[in-house]
Amino acid sequence: MRISLRPIEPADEPFVLDVYASTREDELALVDWNDDQKAAFVRQQFEAQRHHYREHYPTATLGLIVVDGEPAGRLYVDRWPGEIRVVVIALLPPYRGQGIGETLLRDLQTEGAASSRPVTIHVERFNPAQRLYARLGFVTADDTGPVHVLMRWTPAST
């Protein structure tokens, strides 16, 4: 499996929206809305998220995850002097559980170790990806409220 990243381009917006929508499928299965209502909600939430990211992570790199030449997800990373922040990592369902996210996170850990910076990520409290993060050595660094926790991986001292 060949995993790569490329910058997100304007033509990728429908795909990126689909990736976002795929992360909300379980939640939306619980509401009694028709498909148009769900699509409108997803679009509104996606736009709110995009606005939040632009405001709080203006220097983030916005990457399209490509697996064997096919778009598979998105990875946004902001690199600060003292920290590497994973803003979002998300894969379409067919690509989950295949080690793709793990590979990308390990690459960021390697970058963090080389520059003596921790890698952090905000994650929803009940997101099953927390198991992956914990397996990679991330620990809860801050309980940021009822929805998210901040997880941190710290490189070994050299």
C-alpha atoms as a PDB file:
ATOM      1  CA  MET A   1       0.000   0.000   0.000  1.00  0.00           C
ATOM      2  CA  ARG A   2       1.429   3.390  -1.026  1.00  0.00           C
ATOM      3  CA  ILE A   3       0.355   6.265   1.254  1.00  0.00           C
ATOM      4  CA  SER A   4       1.068   9.860   0.334  1.00  0.00           C
ATOM      5  CA  LEU A   5      -0.146  13.374   1.024  1.00  0.00           C
ATOM      6  CA  ARG A   6      -0.763  16.218  -1.354  1.00  0.00           C
ATOM      7  CA  PRO A   7      -2.120  19.704  -0.767  1.00  0.00           C
ATOM      8  CA  ILE A   8      -5.888  20.009  -0.891  1.00  0.00           C
ATOM      9  CA  GLU A   9      -7.054  21.968  -3.916  1.00  0.00           C
ATOM     10  CA  PRO A  10     -10.398  23.745  -4.476  1.00  0.00           C
ATOM     11  CA  ALA A  11     -11.548  20.897  -6.744  1.00  0.00           C
ATOM     12  CA  ASP A  12     -11.176  18.520  -3.757  1.00  0.00           C
ATOM     13  CA  GLU A  13     -13.899  20.250  -1.733  1.00  0.00           C
ATOM     14  CA  PRO A  14     -16.692  17.743  -2.570  1.00  0.00           C
ATOM     15  CA  PHE A  15     -14.418  14.865  -1.577  1.00  0.00           C
ATOM     16  CA  VAL A  16     -13.324  16.563   1.647  1.00  0.00           C
ATOM     17  CA  LEU A  17     -16.983  17.198   2.487  1.00  0.00           C
ATOM     18  CA  ASP A  18     -17.686  13.487   1.895  1.00  0.00           C
ATOM     19  CA  VAL A  19     -14.869  12.562   4.274  1.00  0.00           C
ATOM     20  CA  TYR A  20     -16.324  14.881   6.903  1.00  0.00           C
ATOM     21  CA  ALA A  21     -19.827  13.478   6.340  1.00  0.00           C
ATOM     22  CA  SER A  22     -18.506   9.941   6.821  1.00  0.00           C
ATOM     23  CA  THR A  23     -17.332  10.898  10.308  1.00  0.00           C
ATOM     24  CA  ARG A  24     -20.866  11.971  11.232  1.00  0.00           C
ATOM     25  CA  GLU A  25     -22.767   8.927   9.855  1.00  0.00           C
ATOM     26  CA  ASP A  26     -23.260   7.147  13.193  1.00  0.00           C
ATOM     27  CA  GLU A  27     -24.517  10.323  14.838  1.00  0.00           C
ATOM     28  CA  LEU A  28     -26.906  11.123  11.984  1.00  0.00           C
ATOM     29  CA  ALA A  29     -28.322   7.605  11.999  1.00  0.00           C
ATOM     30  CA  LEU A  30     -29.922   8.509  15.329  1.00  0.00           C
ATOM     31  CA  VAL A  31     -31.972  11.457  14.060  1.00  0.00           C
ATOM     32  CA  ASP A  32     -35.283  11.343  12.250  1.00  0.00           C
ATOM     33  CA  TRP A  33     -34.272  13.634   9.373  1.00  0.00           C
ATOM     34  CA  ASN A  34     -34.609  13.067   5.673  1.00  0.00           C
ATOM     35  CA  ASP A  35     -31.525  12.932   3.452  1.00  0.00           C
ATOM     36  CA  ASP A  36     -31.805  16.595   2.444  1.00  0.00           C
ATOM     37  CA  GLN A  37     -31.956  17.700   6.068  1.00  0.00           C
ATOM     38  CA  LYS A  38     -28.948  15.553   6.949  1.00  0.00           C
ATOM     39  CA  ALA A  39     -26.987  16.913   3.985  1.00  0.00           C
ATOM     40  CA  ALA A  40     -27.810  20.500   4.952  1.00  0.00           C
ATOM     41  CA  PHE A  41     -26.745  19.849   8.539  1.00  0.00           C
ATOM     42  CA  VAL A  42     -23.479  18.235   7.436  1.00  0.00           C
ATOM     43  CA  ARG A  43     -22.696  21.139   5.092  1.00  0.00           C
ATOM     44  CA  GLN A  44     -23.408  23.690   7.847  1.00  0.00           C
ATOM     45  CA  GLN A  45     -21.227  21.831  10.362  1.00  0.00           C
ATOM     46  CA  PHE A  46     -18.456  21.384   7.778  1.00  0.00           C
ATOM     47  CA  GLU A  47     -18.449  25.116   7.058  1.00  0.00           C
ATOM     48  CA  ALA A  48     -18.384  25.905  10.788  1.00  0.00           C
ATOM     49  CA  GLN A  49     -15.461  23.539  11.246  1.00  0.00           C
ATOM     50  CA  ARG A  50     -13.610  25.059   8.296  1.00  0.00           C
ATOM     51  CA  HIS A  51     -14.128  28.552   9.748  1.00  0.00           C
ATOM     52  CA  HIS A  52     -12.850  27.361  13.141  1.00  0.00           C
ATOM     53  CA  TYR A  53      -9.753  25.810  11.573  1.00  0.00           C
ATOM     54  CA  ARG A  54      -8.977  28.965   9.555  1.00  0.00           C
ATOM     55  CA  GLU A  55      -9.295  31.095  12.678  1.00  0.00           C
ATOM     56  CA  HIS A  56      -7.372  28.883  15.112  1.00  0.00           C
ATOM     57  CA  TYR A  57      -4.918  27.104  12.787  1.00  0.00           C
ATOM     58  CA  PRO A  58      -4.152  29.636  10.044  1.00  0.00           C
ATOM     59  CA  THR A  59      -0.753  28.109   9.250  1.00  0.00           C
ATOM     60  CA  ALA A  60      -1.910  24.493   9.106  1.00  0.00           C
ATOM     61  CA  THR A  61      -1.043  22.361   6.106  1.00  0.00           C
ATOM     62  CA  LEU A  62      -4.202  20.865   4.611  1.00  0.00           C
ATOM     63  CA  GLY A  63      -3.355  17.486   3.168  1.00  0.00           C
ATOM     64  CA  LEU A  64      -5.328  15.035   1.100  1.00  0.00           C
ATOM     65  CA  ILE A  65      -4.448  11.463   2.057  1.00  0.00           C
ATOM     66  CA  VAL A  66      -3.876   9.390  -1.073  1.00  0.00           C
ATOM     67  CA  VAL A  67      -3.681   5.596  -0.949  1.00  0.00           C
ATOM     68  CA  ASP A  68      -2.474   3.774  -4.039  1.00  0.00           C
ATOM     69  CA  GLY A  69      -3.361   6.805  -6.128  1.00  0.00           C
ATOM     70  CA  GLU A  70      -6.907   7.168  -4.749  1.00  0.00           C
ATOM     71  CA  PRO A  71      -8.135   9.927  -2.401  1.00  0.00           C
ATOM     72  CA  ALA A  72      -8.753   8.327   0.982  1.00  0.00           C
ATOM     73  CA  GLY A  73      -9.012  11.083   3.597  1.00  0.00           C
ATOM     74  CA  ARG A  74      -7.650  14.293   4.997  1.00  0.00           C
ATOM     75  CA  LEU A  75      -4.861  15.261   7.371  1.00  0.00           C
ATOM     76  CA  TYR A  76      -4.481  18.814   8.631  1.00  0.00           C
ATOM     77  CA  VAL A  77      -1.386  19.602  10.694  1.00  0.00           C
ATOM     78  CA  ASP A  78      -0.198  22.842  12.271  1.00  0.00           C
ATOM     79  CA  ARG A  79       3.484  22.999  13.125  1.00  0.00           C
ATOM     80  CA  TRP A  80       4.306  25.412  15.935  1.00  0.00           C
ATOM     81  CA  PRO A  81       7.733  26.125  17.417  1.00  0.00           C
ATOM     82  CA  GLY A  82       7.043  23.945  20.460  1.00  0.00           C
ATOM     83  CA  GLU A  83       4.441  21.477  19.205  1.00  0.00           C
ATOM     84  CA  ILE A  84       3.055  19.627  16.214  1.00  0.00           C
ATOM     85  CA  ARG A  85      -0.747  19.776  16.340  1.00  0.00           C
ATOM     86  CA  VAL A  86      -2.825  17.260  14.412  1.00  0.00           C
ATOM     87  CA  VAL A  87      -5.852  19.381  13.621  1.00  0.00           C
ATOM     88  CA  VAL A  88      -7.792  16.570  11.962  1.00  0.00           C
ATOM     89  CA  ILE A  89      -7.111  13.131  10.595  1.00  0.00           C
ATOM     90  CA  ALA A  90     -10.013  11.330   8.935  1.00  0.00           C
ATOM     91  CA  LEU A  91     -10.338   8.505   6.445  1.00  0.00           C
ATOM     92  CA  LEU A  92     -13.279   7.244   4.437  1.00  0.00           C
ATOM     93  CA  PRO A  93     -14.710   4.045   5.972  1.00  0.00           C
ATOM     94  CA  PRO A  94     -13.146   1.607   3.447  1.00  0.00           C
ATOM     95  CA  TYR A  95      -9.685   2.881   4.418  1.00  0.00           C
ATOM     96  CA  ARG A  96     -10.098   2.708   8.194  1.00  0.00           C
ATOM     97  CA  GLY A  97      -8.432  -0.023  10.217  1.00  0.00           C
ATOM     98  CA  GLN A  98      -5.727  -0.708   7.628  1.00  0.00           C
ATOM     99  CA  GLY A  99      -2.834   1.065   9.340  1.00  0.00           C
ATOM    100  CA  ILE A 100      -3.025   4.213   7.213  1.00  0.00           C
ATOM    101  CA  GLY A 101      -3.712   6.564  10.110  1.00  0.00           C
ATOM    102  CA  GLU A 102      -1.092   4.795  12.196  1.00  0.00           C
ATOM    103  CA  THR A 103       1.509   5.256   9.452  1.00  0.00           C
ATOM    104  CA  LEU A 104       0.752   8.967   9.141  1.00  0.00           C
ATOM    105  CA  LEU A 105       0.821   9.501  12.905  1.00  0.00           C
ATOM    106  CA  ARG A 106       4.104   7.606  13.237  1.00  0.00           C
ATOM    107  CA  ASP A 107       5.562   9.883  10.538  1.00  0.00           C
ATOM    108  CA  LEU A 108       4.505  12.884  12.638  1.00  0.00           C
ATOM    109  CA  GLN A 109       6.030  11.278  15.723  1.00  0.00           C
ATOM    110  CA  THR A 110       9.290  10.839  13.820  1.00  0.00           C
ATOM    111  CA  GLU A 111       9.159  14.513  12.854  1.00  0.00           C
ATOM    112  CA  GLY A 112       8.399  15.438  16.458  1.00  0.00           C
ATOM    113  CA  ALA A 113      11.273  13.347  17.791  1.00  0.00           C
ATOM    114  CA  ALA A 114      13.694  14.904  15.277  1.00  0.00           C
ATOM    115  CA  SER A 115      12.678  18.407  16.366  1.00  0.00           C
ATOM    116  CA  SER A 116      12.092  17.639  20.081  1.00  0.00           C
ATOM    117  CA  ARG A 117       8.414  18.594  19.814  1.00  0.00           C
ATOM    118  CA  PRO A 118       5.395  16.765  21.189  1.00  0.00           C
ATOM    119  CA  VAL A 119       2.563  15.774  18.870  1.00  0.00           C
ATOM    120  CA  THR A 120      -0.939  16.659  20.083  1.00  0.00           C
ATOM    121  CA  ILE A 121      -4.487  16.090  18.934  1.00  0.00           C
ATOM    122  CA  HIS A 122      -7.931  17.036  20.226  1.00  0.00           C
ATOM    123  CA  VAL A 123     -10.180  14.003  20.045  1.00  0.00           C
ATOM    124  CA  GLU A 124     -13.834  13.502  20.821  1.00  0.00           C
ATOM    125  CA  ARG A 125     -14.230  11.759  24.140  1.00  0.00           C
ATOM    126  CA  PHE A 126     -15.976   8.710  22.675  1.00  0.00           C
ATOM    127  CA  ASN A 127     -14.029   8.460  19.416  1.00  0.00           C
ATOM    128  CA  PRO A 128     -12.741   4.892  19.015  1.00  0.00           C
ATOM    129  CA  ALA A 129      -9.548   6.322  17.469  1.00  0.00           C
ATOM    130  CA  GLN A 130      -8.427   7.056  21.041  1.00  0.00           C
ATOM    131  CA  ARG A 131      -7.380   3.404  21.232  1.00  0.00           C
ATOM    132  CA  LEU A 132      -5.007   3.945  18.305  1.00  0.00           C
ATOM    133  CA  TYR A 133      -3.606   7.104  19.852  1.00  0.00           C
ATOM    134  CA  ALA A 134      -3.053   5.343  23.189  1.00  0.00           C
ATOM    135  CA  ARG A 135      -1.336   2.421  21.420  1.00  0.00           C
ATOM    136  CA  LEU A 136       1.009   4.969  19.807  1.00  0.00           C
ATOM    137  CA  GLY A 137       1.881   6.441  23.208  1.00  0.00           C
ATOM    138  CA  PHE A 138      -0.486   9.407  23.324  1.00  0.00           C
ATOM    139  CA  VAL A 139      -1.848  10.204  26.785  1.00  0.00           C
ATOM    140  CA  THR A 140      -4.606  12.534  27.900  1.00  0.00           C
ATOM    141  CA  ALA A 141      -2.932  15.869  28.551  1.00  0.00           C
ATOM    142  CA  ASP A 142      -5.989  18.024  29.164  1.00  0.00           C
ATOM    143  CA  ASP A 143      -9.675  17.387  29.658  1.00  0.00           C
ATOM    144  CA  THR A 144     -11.037  20.225  27.537  1.00  0.00           C
ATOM    145  CA  GLY A 145     -14.701  19.807  28.363  1.00  0.00           C
ATOM    146  CA  PRO A 146     -17.602  17.468  27.829  1.00  0.00           C
ATOM    147  CA  VAL A 147     -16.814  16.709  24.168  1.00  0.00           C
ATOM    148  CA  HIS A 148     -13.032  16.654  23.646  1.00  0.00           C
ATOM    149  CA  VAL A 149      -9.792  15.699  25.332  1.00  0.00           C
ATOM    150  CA  LEU A 150      -6.330  16.822  24.299  1.00  0.00           C
ATOM    151  CA  MET A 151      -3.967  13.906  23.800  1.00  0.00           C
ATOM    152  CA  ARG A 152      -0.196  14.327  23.689  1.00  0.00           C
ATOM    153  CA  TRP A 153       2.724  12.207  22.584  1.00  0.00           C
ATOM    154  CA  THR A 154       6.072  13.382  23.924  1.00  0.00           C
ATOM    155  CA  PRO A 155       9.358  12.265  22.378  1.00  0.00           C
ATOM    156  CA  ALA A 156      11.879  10.576  24.615  1.00  0.00           C
ATOM    157  CA  SER A 157      14.566  12.885  25.954  1.00  0.00           C
ATOM    158  CA  THR A 158      17.827  12.652  24.120  1.00  0.00           C
END
